[in-house]
């Protein structure tokens, strides 16, 4: 479930608002999205995956985490590598050239019986 929006990192592009299938966000007066319907979150990770500024943290739990400082501490989330972590895991992280022919991340091609990765052909 979405747990944190970084006002410092957010660039107010509204991508998270547009991609959310359950409309959990409202646009704040300062342009930064706010969690308006937190419990409606389906934990689909679309907001985090589409955030170009890595300003969101979506916890894998499908229920709200306790209101503890560790979950709301931007520096702690950053040090732990959690802001934008889903984006990086699916290969959409920073450093990838838009339109690149090769994905960043683990290979998708399975090894053959000898343990050699099979070539990917298109």
C-alpha atoms as a PDB file:
ATOM      1  CA  UNK A   1       0.000   0.000   0.000  1.00  0.00           C
ATOM      2  CA  UNK A   2       1.277   3.480  -0.736  1.00  0.00           C
ATOM      3  CA  UNK A   3       2.912   4.851   2.387  1.00  0.00           C
ATOM      4  CA  UNK A   4       4.972   7.909   1.495  1.00  0.00           C
ATOM      5  CA  UNK A   5       5.087  10.828  -0.950  1.00  0.00           C
ATOM      6  CA  UNK A   6       8.239  12.946  -0.900  1.00  0.00           C
ATOM      7  CA  UNK A   7       7.326  16.609  -1.283  1.00  0.00           C
ATOM      8  CA  UNK A   8      11.040  17.363  -1.809  1.00  0.00           C
ATOM      9  CA  UNK A   9      11.426  14.951  -4.736  1.00  0.00           C
ATOM     10  CA  UNK A  10       7.987  15.348  -6.320  1.00  0.00           C
ATOM     11  CA  UNK A  11       7.967  17.397  -9.526  1.00  0.00           C
ATOM     12  CA  UNK A  12       4.144  17.726  -9.581  1.00  0.00           C
ATOM     13  CA  UNK A  13       3.829  15.940 -12.932  1.00  0.00           C
ATOM     14  CA  UNK A  14       0.559  14.220 -11.883  1.00  0.00           C
ATOM     15  CA  UNK A  15       1.612  10.860 -13.365  1.00  0.00           C
ATOM     16  CA  UNK A  16       0.751   9.085 -10.113  1.00  0.00           C
ATOM     17  CA  UNK A  17      -2.686  10.696 -10.077  1.00  0.00           C
ATOM     18  CA  UNK A  18      -3.359   9.719 -13.698  1.00  0.00           C
ATOM     19  CA  UNK A  19      -2.242   6.072 -13.462  1.00  0.00           C
ATOM     20  CA  UNK A  20      -3.928   5.184 -10.160  1.00  0.00           C
ATOM     21  CA  UNK A  21      -6.797   2.780 -10.923  1.00  0.00           C
ATOM     22  CA  UNK A  22      -8.559   3.507  -7.623  1.00  0.00           C
ATOM     23  CA  UNK A  23      -8.106   7.288  -7.506  1.00  0.00           C
ATOM     24  CA  UNK A  24      -6.362   7.411  -4.117  1.00  0.00           C
ATOM     25  CA  UNK A  25      -4.667  10.768  -4.771  1.00  0.00           C
ATOM     26  CA  UNK A  26      -5.880  14.330  -4.815  1.00  0.00           C
ATOM     27  CA  UNK A  27      -3.743  17.193  -6.046  1.00  0.00           C
ATOM     28  CA  UNK A  28      -2.675  19.334  -3.106  1.00  0.00           C
ATOM     29  CA  UNK A  29      -2.782  23.129  -3.129  1.00  0.00           C
ATOM     30  CA  UNK A  30       0.979  23.168  -3.695  1.00  0.00           C
ATOM     31  CA  UNK A  31       0.677  20.750  -6.637  1.00  0.00           C
ATOM     32  CA  UNK A  32       2.028  17.804  -4.655  1.00  0.00           C
ATOM     33  CA  UNK A  33      -0.306  14.775  -4.593  1.00  0.00           C
ATOM     34  CA  UNK A  34      -1.854  13.869  -1.255  1.00  0.00           C
ATOM     35  CA  UNK A  35      -3.267  10.532  -0.140  1.00  0.00           C
ATOM     36  CA  UNK A  36      -6.976  11.254  -0.044  1.00  0.00           C
ATOM     37  CA  UNK A  37      -8.305   7.684  -0.032  1.00  0.00           C
ATOM     38  CA  UNK A  38      -5.421   5.645   1.421  1.00  0.00           C
ATOM     39  CA  UNK A  39      -7.439   2.500   2.139  1.00  0.00           C
ATOM     40  CA  UNK A  40      -8.615   2.337  -1.501  1.00  0.00           C
ATOM     41  CA  UNK A  41      -5.045   1.561  -2.607  1.00  0.00           C
ATOM     42  CA  UNK A  42      -4.806  -1.865  -4.290  1.00  0.00           C
ATOM     43  CA  UNK A  43      -0.989  -2.007  -3.962  1.00  0.00           C
ATOM     44  CA  UNK A  44      -0.604  -2.221  -7.744  1.00  0.00           C
ATOM     45  CA  UNK A  45       2.637  -0.147  -7.665  1.00  0.00           C
ATOM     46  CA  UNK A  46       1.580   1.832 -10.764  1.00  0.00           C
ATOM     47  CA  UNK A  47       2.167   5.171  -9.035  1.00  0.00           C
ATOM     48  CA  UNK A  48       5.692   4.231  -7.926  1.00  0.00           C
ATOM     49  CA  UNK A  49       6.540   2.625 -11.268  1.00  0.00           C
ATOM     50  CA  UNK A  50       5.517   5.726 -13.193  1.00  0.00           C
ATOM     51  CA  UNK A  51       7.052   8.369 -10.910  1.00  0.00           C
ATOM     52  CA  UNK A  52      10.020   9.886 -12.773  1.00  0.00           C
ATOM     53  CA  UNK A  53      11.334  11.505  -9.576  1.00  0.00           C
ATOM     54  CA  UNK A  54      11.291   8.382  -7.350  1.00  0.00           C
ATOM     55  CA  UNK A  55       9.161  10.357  -4.906  1.00  0.00           C
ATOM     56  CA  UNK A  56       6.922   7.497  -3.778  1.00  0.00           C
ATOM     57  CA  UNK A  57       7.222   4.468  -1.553  1.00  0.00           C
ATOM     58  CA  UNK A  58       4.667   1.699  -1.877  1.00  0.00           C
ATOM     59  CA  UNK A  59       4.989  -1.002   0.787  1.00  0.00           C
ATOM     60  CA  UNK A  60       4.275  -4.548  -0.401  1.00  0.00           C
ATOM     61  CA  UNK A  61       1.623  -5.018   2.291  1.00  0.00           C
ATOM     62  CA  UNK A  62      -1.955  -4.568   1.124  1.00  0.00           C
ATOM     63  CA  UNK A  63      -2.960  -2.821   4.349  1.00  0.00           C
ATOM     64  CA  UNK A  64      -1.778   0.460   5.879  1.00  0.00           C
ATOM     65  CA  UNK A  65       1.375   0.170   7.972  1.00  0.00           C
ATOM     66  CA  UNK A  66       1.298   1.500  11.537  1.00  0.00           C
ATOM     67  CA  UNK A  67       1.779   5.238  11.737  1.00  0.00           C
ATOM     68  CA  UNK A  68       5.412   4.942  12.807  1.00  0.00           C
ATOM     69  CA  UNK A  69       8.202   7.439  12.132  1.00  0.00           C
ATOM     70  CA  UNK A  70      10.303   4.795  10.307  1.00  0.00           C
ATOM     71  CA  UNK A  71       7.670   4.492   7.574  1.00  0.00           C
ATOM     72  CA  UNK A  72       7.357   8.283   7.252  1.00  0.00           C
ATOM     73  CA  UNK A  73      11.079   9.165   7.493  1.00  0.00           C
ATOM     74  CA  UNK A  74      12.278  10.267   4.058  1.00  0.00           C
ATOM     75  CA  UNK A  75      15.974  10.060   4.952  1.00  0.00           C
ATOM     76  CA  UNK A  76      15.527   6.541   6.320  1.00  0.00           C
ATOM     77  CA  UNK A  77      13.571   5.407   3.271  1.00  0.00           C
ATOM     78  CA  UNK A  78      16.230   6.932   1.029  1.00  0.00           C
ATOM     79  CA  UNK A  79      19.119   5.288   2.921  1.00  0.00           C
ATOM     80  CA  UNK A  80      17.322   1.947   2.709  1.00  0.00           C
ATOM     81  CA  UNK A  81      16.906   2.432  -1.051  1.00  0.00           C
ATOM     82  CA  UNK A  82      13.128   2.190  -0.831  1.00  0.00           C
ATOM     83  CA  UNK A  83      12.110   5.393  -2.652  1.00  0.00           C
ATOM     84  CA  UNK A  84      11.608   4.296  -6.246  1.00  0.00           C
ATOM     85  CA  UNK A  85      12.756   0.746  -5.470  1.00  0.00           C
ATOM     86  CA  UNK A  86       9.949  -0.911  -7.438  1.00  0.00           C
ATOM     87  CA  UNK A  87      10.864   1.172 -10.500  1.00  0.00           C
ATOM     88  CA  UNK A  88      14.455  -0.031 -10.298  1.00  0.00           C
ATOM     89  CA  UNK A  89      13.435  -3.667  -9.831  1.00  0.00           C
ATOM     90  CA  UNK A  90      11.399  -3.654 -13.034  1.00  0.00           C
ATOM     91  CA  UNK A  91      14.182  -1.916 -14.984  1.00  0.00           C
ATOM     92  CA  UNK A  92      12.616   1.552 -15.159  1.00  0.00           C
ATOM     93  CA  UNK A  93      15.129   3.143 -12.800  1.00  0.00           C
ATOM     94  CA  UNK A  94      17.369   6.107 -13.388  1.00  0.00           C
ATOM     95  CA  UNK A  95      20.220   5.654 -15.830  1.00  0.00           C
ATOM     96  CA  UNK A  96      18.320   3.847 -18.563  1.00  0.00           C
ATOM     97  CA  UNK A  97      18.290   5.683 -21.849  1.00  0.00           C
ATOM     98  CA  UNK A  98      14.712   6.172 -23.082  1.00  0.00           C
ATOM     99  CA  UNK A  99      14.099   3.909 -26.045  1.00  0.00           C
ATOM    100  CA  UNK A 100      17.181   1.798 -25.280  1.00  0.00           C
ATOM    101  CA  UNK A 101      17.277  -1.556 -27.019  1.00  0.00           C
ATOM    102  CA  UNK A 102      18.628  -3.384 -23.970  1.00  0.00           C
ATOM    103  CA  UNK A 103      16.872  -3.466 -20.625  1.00  0.00           C
ATOM    104  CA  UNK A 104      18.706  -2.790 -17.412  1.00  0.00           C
ATOM    105  CA  UNK A 105      18.412  -5.612 -14.923  1.00  0.00           C
ATOM    106  CA  UNK A 106      18.527  -9.381 -14.820  1.00  0.00           C
ATOM    107  CA  UNK A 107      18.389 -11.309 -18.091  1.00  0.00           C
ATOM    108  CA  UNK A 108      15.013 -12.655 -19.070  1.00  0.00           C
ATOM    109  CA  UNK A 109      16.375 -15.535 -21.096  1.00  0.00           C
ATOM    110  CA  UNK A 110      16.487 -18.845 -19.186  1.00  0.00           C
ATOM    111  CA  UNK A 111      19.596 -21.030 -19.247  1.00  0.00           C
ATOM    112  CA  UNK A 112      19.630 -24.177 -21.353  1.00  0.00           C
ATOM    113  CA  UNK A 113      20.316 -27.648 -19.889  1.00  0.00           C
ATOM    114  CA  UNK A 114      24.058 -26.875 -19.696  1.00  0.00           C
ATOM    115  CA  UNK A 115      23.517 -23.625 -17.784  1.00  0.00           C
ATOM    116  CA  UNK A 116      24.311 -21.399 -20.774  1.00  0.00           C
ATOM    117  CA  UNK A 117      21.936 -18.500 -21.308  1.00  0.00           C
ATOM    118  CA  UNK A 118      19.984 -18.874 -24.495  1.00  0.00           C
ATOM    119  CA  UNK A 119      20.325 -15.972 -26.941  1.00  0.00           C
ATOM    120  CA  UNK A 120      17.467 -13.539 -27.206  1.00  0.00           C
ATOM    121  CA  UNK A 121      16.405 -12.995 -30.791  1.00  0.00           C
ATOM    122  CA  UNK A 122      13.772 -10.696 -32.116  1.00  0.00           C
END
